[in-house]
Amino acid sequence: MKRGQDFATSIQGSLGGVLDSHGEALILRNVTNLNVSDTGSRAVSPGDNPSGSLLRAECGYVVLGSAIGTAQAIGSGFSLALPKPERGLHYKFILRAPSIANNDAAEIKIHSTSDGTNGSPLIIGMVRGHGDDQGANVVSVKGMIKFVKNKSTAGDMAEVWSDGTNWFADIVYDVDGSITLT
């Protein structure tokens, strides 16, 4: 790579621009939108029992909740299961709803599982806040990431990676306590 030249320009120059079309397909393929109205055959339900599990092919960004500009309404929350831990799997969950209604049935929950179905506490990691509490490092395994009612806002996010045994989380929120690891 030449000094003063960015990585993408350097690679594309040496490959004759063949990366142009591949980069677009890669980006578009790794975004999944999930809400009770657009999950299709993998319907999800409110509560602590996920009825749908993420697929390996959905690694990447997972956009959660109602459309931008529409609050996550009472009764429109859902629970979702992570797949069986497998080395290299990763998901970045981003809340798209501007807010979540002040009702348990509006919350969005992501459960860790040992097999894609049965809940198992396998999540450890960092919860970082921009409020007064500044988050925490969670070193004992937990079973659920929860986007909390009446606190979570658009852009709050939780990213998880698997080493084949556990899920390592990096959670970032705007308001104290808007995403919990329990």
C-alpha atoms as a PDB file:
ATOM      1  CA  MET A   1       0.000   0.000   0.000  1.00  0.00           C
ATOM      2  CA  LYS A   2       1.283   3.412  -0.917  1.00  0.00           C
ATOM      3  CA  ARG A   3       1.775   5.997   1.801  1.00  0.00           C
ATOM      4  CA  GLY A   4      -1.170   8.389   2.015  1.00  0.00           C
ATOM      5  CA  GLN A   5      -3.538   6.022   0.202  1.00  0.00           C
ATOM      6  CA  ASP A   6      -6.439   4.430   2.058  1.00  0.00           C
ATOM      7  CA  PHE A   7      -6.830   0.657   2.266  1.00  0.00           C
ATOM      8  CA  ALA A   8      -9.926   0.370   0.011  1.00  0.00           C
ATOM      9  CA  THR A   9      -8.344   2.452  -2.760  1.00  0.00           C
ATOM     10  CA  SER A  10      -5.122   0.453  -2.521  1.00  0.00           C
ATOM     11  CA  ILE A  11      -6.907  -2.931  -2.740  1.00  0.00           C
ATOM     12  CA  GLN A  12      -9.249  -1.871  -5.535  1.00  0.00           C
ATOM     13  CA  GLY A  13      -6.340  -0.411  -7.484  1.00  0.00           C
ATOM     14  CA  SER A  14      -4.390  -3.664  -7.311  1.00  0.00           C
ATOM     15  CA  LEU A  15      -7.480  -5.733  -8.218  1.00  0.00           C
ATOM     16  CA  GLY A  16      -8.721  -3.471 -10.996  1.00  0.00           C
ATOM     17  CA  GLY A  17     -11.913  -2.362  -9.192  1.00  0.00           C
ATOM     18  CA  VAL A  18     -13.404  -5.875  -8.950  1.00  0.00           C
ATOM     19  CA  LEU A  19     -14.451  -5.270  -5.345  1.00  0.00           C
ATOM     20  CA  ASP A  20     -17.042  -2.631  -6.289  1.00  0.00           C
ATOM     21  CA  SER A  21     -19.958  -5.021  -6.852  1.00  0.00           C
ATOM     22  CA  HIS A  22     -18.953  -7.501  -4.132  1.00  0.00           C
ATOM     23  CA  GLY A  23     -18.951  -4.938  -1.335  1.00  0.00           C
ATOM     24  CA  GLU A  24     -22.520  -3.816  -2.049  1.00  0.00           C
ATOM     25  CA  ALA A  25     -23.921  -7.364  -1.976  1.00  0.00           C
ATOM     26  CA  LEU A  26     -22.065  -8.147   1.230  1.00  0.00           C
ATOM     27  CA  ILE A  27     -23.451  -5.100   2.996  1.00  0.00           C
ATOM     28  CA  LEU A  28     -27.067  -5.647   1.936  1.00  0.00           C
ATOM     29  CA  ARG A  29     -27.082  -9.352   2.717  1.00  0.00           C
ATOM     30  CA  ASN A  30     -26.117  -8.880   6.352  1.00  0.00           C
ATOM     31  CA  VAL A  31     -29.026  -6.740   7.556  1.00  0.00           C
ATOM     32  CA  THR A  32     -32.132  -8.305   9.100  1.00  0.00           C
ATOM     33  CA  ASN A  33     -35.170  -6.302  10.221  1.00  0.00           C
ATOM     34  CA  LEU A  34     -37.201  -7.873  13.020  1.00  0.00           C
ATOM     35  CA  ASN A  35     -40.529  -6.752  14.414  1.00  0.00           C
ATOM     36  CA  VAL A  36     -43.777  -8.580  15.130  1.00  0.00           C
ATOM     37  CA  SER A  37     -45.180  -7.372  11.800  1.00  0.00           C
ATOM     38  CA  ASP A  38     -42.258  -8.306   9.516  1.00  0.00           C
ATOM     39  CA  THR A  39     -40.833 -11.575  10.807  1.00  0.00           C
ATOM     40  CA  GLY A  40     -42.868 -13.768   8.449  1.00  0.00           C
ATOM     41  CA  SER A  41     -43.009 -17.441   9.333  1.00  0.00           C
ATOM     42  CA  ARG A  42     -40.668 -16.915  12.260  1.00  0.00           C
ATOM     43  CA  ALA A  43     -43.213 -15.125  14.418  1.00  0.00           C
ATOM     44  CA  VAL A  44     -42.039 -13.947  17.791  1.00  0.00           C
ATOM     45  CA  SER A  45     -44.048 -13.415  20.951  1.00  0.00           C
ATOM     46  CA  PRO A  46     -43.932 -11.145  23.981  1.00  0.00           C
ATOM     47  CA  GLY A  47     -42.698 -12.594  27.234  1.00  0.00           C
ATOM     48  CA  ASP A  48     -39.777 -14.687  28.299  1.00  0.00           C
ATOM     49  CA  ASN A  49     -40.287 -17.594  25.879  1.00  0.00           C
ATOM     50  CA  PRO A  50     -38.780 -16.948  22.464  1.00  0.00           C
ATOM     51  CA  SER A  51     -40.673 -18.598  19.647  1.00  0.00           C
ATOM     52  CA  GLY A  52     -38.141 -17.641  17.000  1.00  0.00           C
ATOM     53  CA  SER A  53     -34.402 -18.121  16.698  1.00  0.00           C
ATOM     54  CA  LEU A  54     -31.870 -16.209  14.653  1.00  0.00           C
ATOM     55  CA  LEU A  55     -30.227 -18.131  11.838  1.00  0.00           C
ATOM     56  CA  ARG A  56     -26.507 -18.455  11.108  1.00  0.00           C
ATOM     57  CA  ALA A  57     -27.116 -16.685   7.793  1.00  0.00           C
ATOM     58  CA  GLU A  58     -28.403 -13.636   9.676  1.00  0.00           C
ATOM     59  CA  CYS A  59     -24.993 -12.842  11.174  1.00  0.00           C
ATOM     60  CA  GLY A  60     -24.433  -9.126  10.979  1.00  0.00           C
ATOM     61  CA  TYR A  61     -26.802  -6.273  11.752  1.00  0.00           C
ATOM     62  CA  VAL A  62     -30.241  -6.996  13.208  1.00  0.00           C
ATOM     63  CA  VAL A  63     -32.529  -3.969  13.300  1.00  0.00           C
ATOM     64  CA  LEU A  64     -35.191  -4.342  16.003  1.00  0.00           C
ATOM     65  CA  GLY A  65     -38.655  -2.953  16.503  1.00  0.00           C
ATOM     66  CA  SER A  66     -41.114  -0.622  14.851  1.00  0.00           C
ATOM     67  CA  ALA A  67     -40.252   1.614  11.950  1.00  0.00           C
ATOM     68  CA  ILE A  68     -38.318   4.811  12.598  1.00  0.00           C
ATOM     69  CA  GLY A  69     -40.734   7.417  13.945  1.00  0.00           C
ATOM     70  CA  THR A  70     -43.142   4.822  15.393  1.00  0.00           C
ATOM     71  CA  ALA A  71     -42.900   3.891  19.075  1.00  0.00           C
ATOM     72  CA  GLN A  72     -42.768   0.207  20.012  1.00  0.00           C
ATOM     73  CA  ALA A  73     -46.402  -0.147  21.099  1.00  0.00           C
ATOM     74  CA  ILE A  74     -47.953  -2.074  23.974  1.00  0.00           C
ATOM     75  CA  GLY A  75     -48.275  -5.713  22.917  1.00  0.00           C
ATOM     76  CA  SER A  76     -45.771  -5.408  20.062  1.00  0.00           C
ATOM     77  CA  GLY A  77     -42.678  -6.504  21.998  1.00  0.00           C
ATOM     78  CA  PHE A  78     -41.089  -9.858  21.310  1.00  0.00           C
ATOM     79  CA  SER A  79     -38.544 -12.405  22.463  1.00  0.00           C
ATOM     80  CA  LEU A  80     -35.916 -13.879  20.199  1.00  0.00           C
ATOM     81  CA  ALA A  81     -33.348 -16.627  20.732  1.00  0.00           C
ATOM     82  CA  LEU A  82     -29.710 -16.599  19.744  1.00  0.00           C
ATOM     83  CA  PRO A  83     -28.691 -19.778  17.919  1.00  0.00           C
ATOM     84  CA  LYS A  84     -26.481 -22.440  19.460  1.00  0.00           C
ATOM     85  CA  PRO A  85     -23.088 -20.814  20.150  1.00  0.00           C
ATOM     86  CA  GLU A  86     -20.710 -21.379  17.277  1.00  0.00           C
ATOM     87  CA  ARG A  87     -17.274 -19.881  16.883  1.00  0.00           C
ATOM     88  CA  GLY A  88     -17.431 -16.762  14.734  1.00  0.00           C
ATOM     89  CA  LEU A  89     -21.173 -16.072  14.930  1.00  0.00           C
ATOM     90  CA  HIS A  90     -21.892 -12.402  15.623  1.00  0.00           C
ATOM     91  CA  TYR A  91     -24.936 -10.159  15.724  1.00  0.00           C
ATOM     92  CA  LYS A  92     -25.314  -6.430  16.270  1.00  0.00           C
ATOM     93  CA  PHE A  93     -28.813  -5.535  17.505  1.00  0.00           C
ATOM     94  CA  ILE A  94     -29.902  -1.927  16.978  1.00  0.00           C
ATOM     95  CA  LEU A  95     -33.219  -0.511  18.175  1.00  0.00           C
ATOM     96  CA  ARG A  96     -34.934   1.453  15.399  1.00  0.00           C
ATOM     97  CA  ALA A  97     -38.056   2.524  17.328  1.00  0.00           C
ATOM     98  CA  PRO A  98     -37.695   5.995  18.893  1.00  0.00           C
ATOM     99  CA  SER A  99     -39.045   4.586  22.186  1.00  0.00           C
ATOM    100  CA  ILE A 100     -40.629   1.529  23.823  1.00  0.00           C
ATOM    101  CA  ALA A 101     -44.053   1.898  25.464  1.00  0.00           C
ATOM    102  CA  ASN A 102     -44.256   1.715  29.256  1.00  0.00           C
ATOM    103  CA  ASN A 103     -45.519  -1.881  29.304  1.00  0.00           C
ATOM    104  CA  ASP A 104     -43.790  -5.265  29.723  1.00  0.00           C
ATOM    105  CA  ALA A 105     -45.452  -6.493  26.501  1.00  0.00           C
ATOM    106  CA  ALA A 106     -43.580  -3.826  24.500  1.00  0.00           C
ATOM    107  CA  GLU A 107     -40.064  -4.921  25.552  1.00  0.00           C
ATOM    108  CA  ILE A 108     -37.668  -6.695  23.199  1.00  0.00           C
ATOM    109  CA  LYS A 109     -35.708  -9.605  24.669  1.00  0.00           C
ATOM    110  CA  ILE A 110     -32.816 -11.616  23.245  1.00  0.00           C
ATOM    111  CA  HIS A 111     -32.159 -14.961  24.945  1.00  0.00           C
ATOM    112  CA  SER A 112     -29.012 -17.073  24.846  1.00  0.00           C
ATOM    113  CA  THR A 113     -29.571 -20.778  24.220  1.00  0.00           C
ATOM    114  CA  SER A 114     -27.513 -23.925  24.340  1.00  0.00           C
ATOM    115  CA  ASP A 115     -29.170 -25.326  21.214  1.00  0.00           C
ATOM    116  CA  GLY A 116     -31.169 -22.536  19.533  1.00  0.00           C
ATOM    117  CA  THR A 117     -34.270 -23.368  21.590  1.00  0.00           C
ATOM    118  CA  ASN A 118     -33.571 -24.004  25.277  1.00  0.00           C
ATOM    119  CA  GLY A 119     -32.539 -21.002  27.365  1.00  0.00           C
ATOM    120  CA  SER A 120     -29.097 -21.108  28.937  1.00  0.00           C
ATOM    121  CA  PRO A 121     -27.077 -18.326  30.629  1.00  0.00           C
ATOM    122  CA  LEU A 122     -24.166 -17.884  28.214  1.00  0.00           C
ATOM    123  CA  ILE A 123     -23.743 -14.090  27.847  1.00  0.00           C
ATOM    124  CA  ILE A 124     -20.946 -12.093  29.507  1.00  0.00           C
ATOM    125  CA  GLY A 125     -19.450  -8.742  28.658  1.00  0.00           C
ATOM    126  CA  MET A 126     -19.601  -4.975  28.867  1.00  0.00           C
ATOM    127  CA  VAL A 127     -22.641  -2.742  29.349  1.00  0.00           C
ATOM    128  CA  ARG A 128     -21.668   0.867  28.574  1.00  0.00           C
ATOM    129  CA  GLY A 129     -23.901   3.790  29.340  1.00  0.00           C
ATOM    130  CA  HIS A 130     -23.870   7.434  28.446  1.00  0.00           C
ATOM    131  CA  GLY A 131     -25.908   8.360  31.519  1.00  0.00           C
ATOM    132  CA  ASP A 132     -24.640   8.830  35.057  1.00  0.00           C
ATOM    133  CA  ASP A 133     -23.988   5.175  35.906  1.00  0.00           C
ATOM    134  CA  GLN A 134     -21.565   4.616  32.993  1.00  0.00           C
ATOM    135  CA  GLY A 135     -22.396   0.904  32.728  1.00  0.00           C
ATOM    136  CA  ALA A 136     -20.635  -2.152  34.095  1.00  0.00           C
ATOM    137  CA  ASN A 137     -18.484  -5.122  33.181  1.00  0.00           C
ATOM    138  CA  VAL A 138     -20.626  -8.247  33.663  1.00  0.00           C
ATOM    139  CA  VAL A 139     -18.332 -11.191  34.405  1.00  0.00           C
ATOM    140  CA  SER A 140     -20.866 -13.824  35.491  1.00  0.00           C
ATOM    141  CA  VAL A 141     -22.893 -15.417  32.695  1.00  0.00           C
ATOM    142  CA  LYS A 142     -26.402 -14.117  32.075  1.00  0.00           C
ATOM    143  CA  GLY A 143     -29.237 -15.412  29.925  1.00  0.00           C
ATOM    144  CA  MET A 144     -30.961 -12.377  28.411  1.00  0.00           C
ATOM    145  CA  ILE A 145     -30.398  -8.965  26.880  1.00  0.00           C
ATOM    146  CA  LYS A 146     -33.461  -6.768  27.376  1.00  0.00           C
ATOM    147  CA  PHE A 147     -34.372  -3.498  25.666  1.00  0.00           C
ATOM    148  CA  VAL A 148     -36.295  -1.998  28.593  1.00  0.00           C
ATOM    149  CA  LYS A 149     -39.784  -0.454  28.445  1.00  0.00           C
ATOM    150  CA  ASN A 150     -40.061   3.321  28.720  1.00  0.00           C
ATOM    151  CA  LYS A 151     -36.245   3.715  28.632  1.00  0.00           C
ATOM    152  CA  SER A 152     -34.717   2.316  25.425  1.00  0.00           C
ATOM    153  CA  THR A 153     -34.449   4.696  22.487  1.00  0.00           C
ATOM    154  CA  ALA A 154     -33.476   4.514  18.825  1.00  0.00           C
ATOM    155  CA  GLY A 155     -29.813   3.673  18.384  1.00  0.00           C
ATOM    156  CA  ASP A 156     -29.385   1.708  21.619  1.00  0.00           C
ATOM    157  CA  MET A 157     -27.414  -1.372  20.629  1.00  0.00           C
ATOM    158  CA  ALA A 158     -26.100  -4.713  21.782  1.00  0.00           C
ATOM    159  CA  GLU A 159     -23.417  -6.608  19.892  1.00  0.00           C
ATOM    160  CA  VAL A 160     -22.615 -10.267  20.623  1.00  0.00           C
ATOM    161  CA  TRP A 161     -19.875 -12.626  19.392  1.00  0.00           C
ATOM    162  CA  SER A 162     -19.508 -16.336  20.042  1.00  0.00           C
ATOM    163  CA  ASP A 163     -16.328 -18.280  20.720  1.00  0.00           C
ATOM    164  CA  GLY A 164     -18.228 -21.563  20.337  1.00  0.00           C
ATOM    165  CA  THR A 165     -19.106 -21.788  24.044  1.00  0.00           C
ATOM    166  CA  ASN A 166     -20.335 -18.359  25.187  1.00  0.00           C
ATOM    167  CA  TRP A 167     -21.623 -15.061  23.820  1.00  0.00           C
ATOM    168  CA  PHE A 168     -19.501 -11.984  24.544  1.00  0.00           C
ATOM    169  CA  ALA A 169     -21.541  -8.766  24.633  1.00  0.00           C
ATOM    170  CA  ASP A 170     -20.737  -5.118  24.052  1.00  0.00           C
ATOM    171  CA  ILE A 171     -23.849  -3.122  24.925  1.00  0.00           C
ATOM    172  CA  VAL A 172     -24.195   0.644  24.494  1.00  0.00           C
ATOM    173  CA  TYR A 173     -27.177   2.710  25.589  1.00  0.00           C
ATOM    174  CA  ASP A 174     -28.130   6.355  25.938  1.00  0.00           C
ATOM    175  CA  VAL A 175     -30.252   6.402  29.123  1.00  0.00           C
ATOM    176  CA  ASP A 176     -29.195   4.568  32.312  1.00  0.00           C
ATOM    177  CA  GLY A 177     -30.763   1.123  32.534  1.00  0.00           C
ATOM    178  CA  SER A 178     -32.275   1.142  29.036  1.00  0.00           C
ATOM    179  CA  ILE A 179     -30.617  -2.175  28.129  1.00  0.00           C
ATOM    180  CA  THR A 180     -30.004  -4.802  30.770  1.00  0.00           C
ATOM    181  CA  LEU A 181     -28.063  -8.032  30.851  1.00  0.00           C
ATOM    182  CA  THR A 182     -29.881 -10.399  33.227  1.00  0.00           C
END
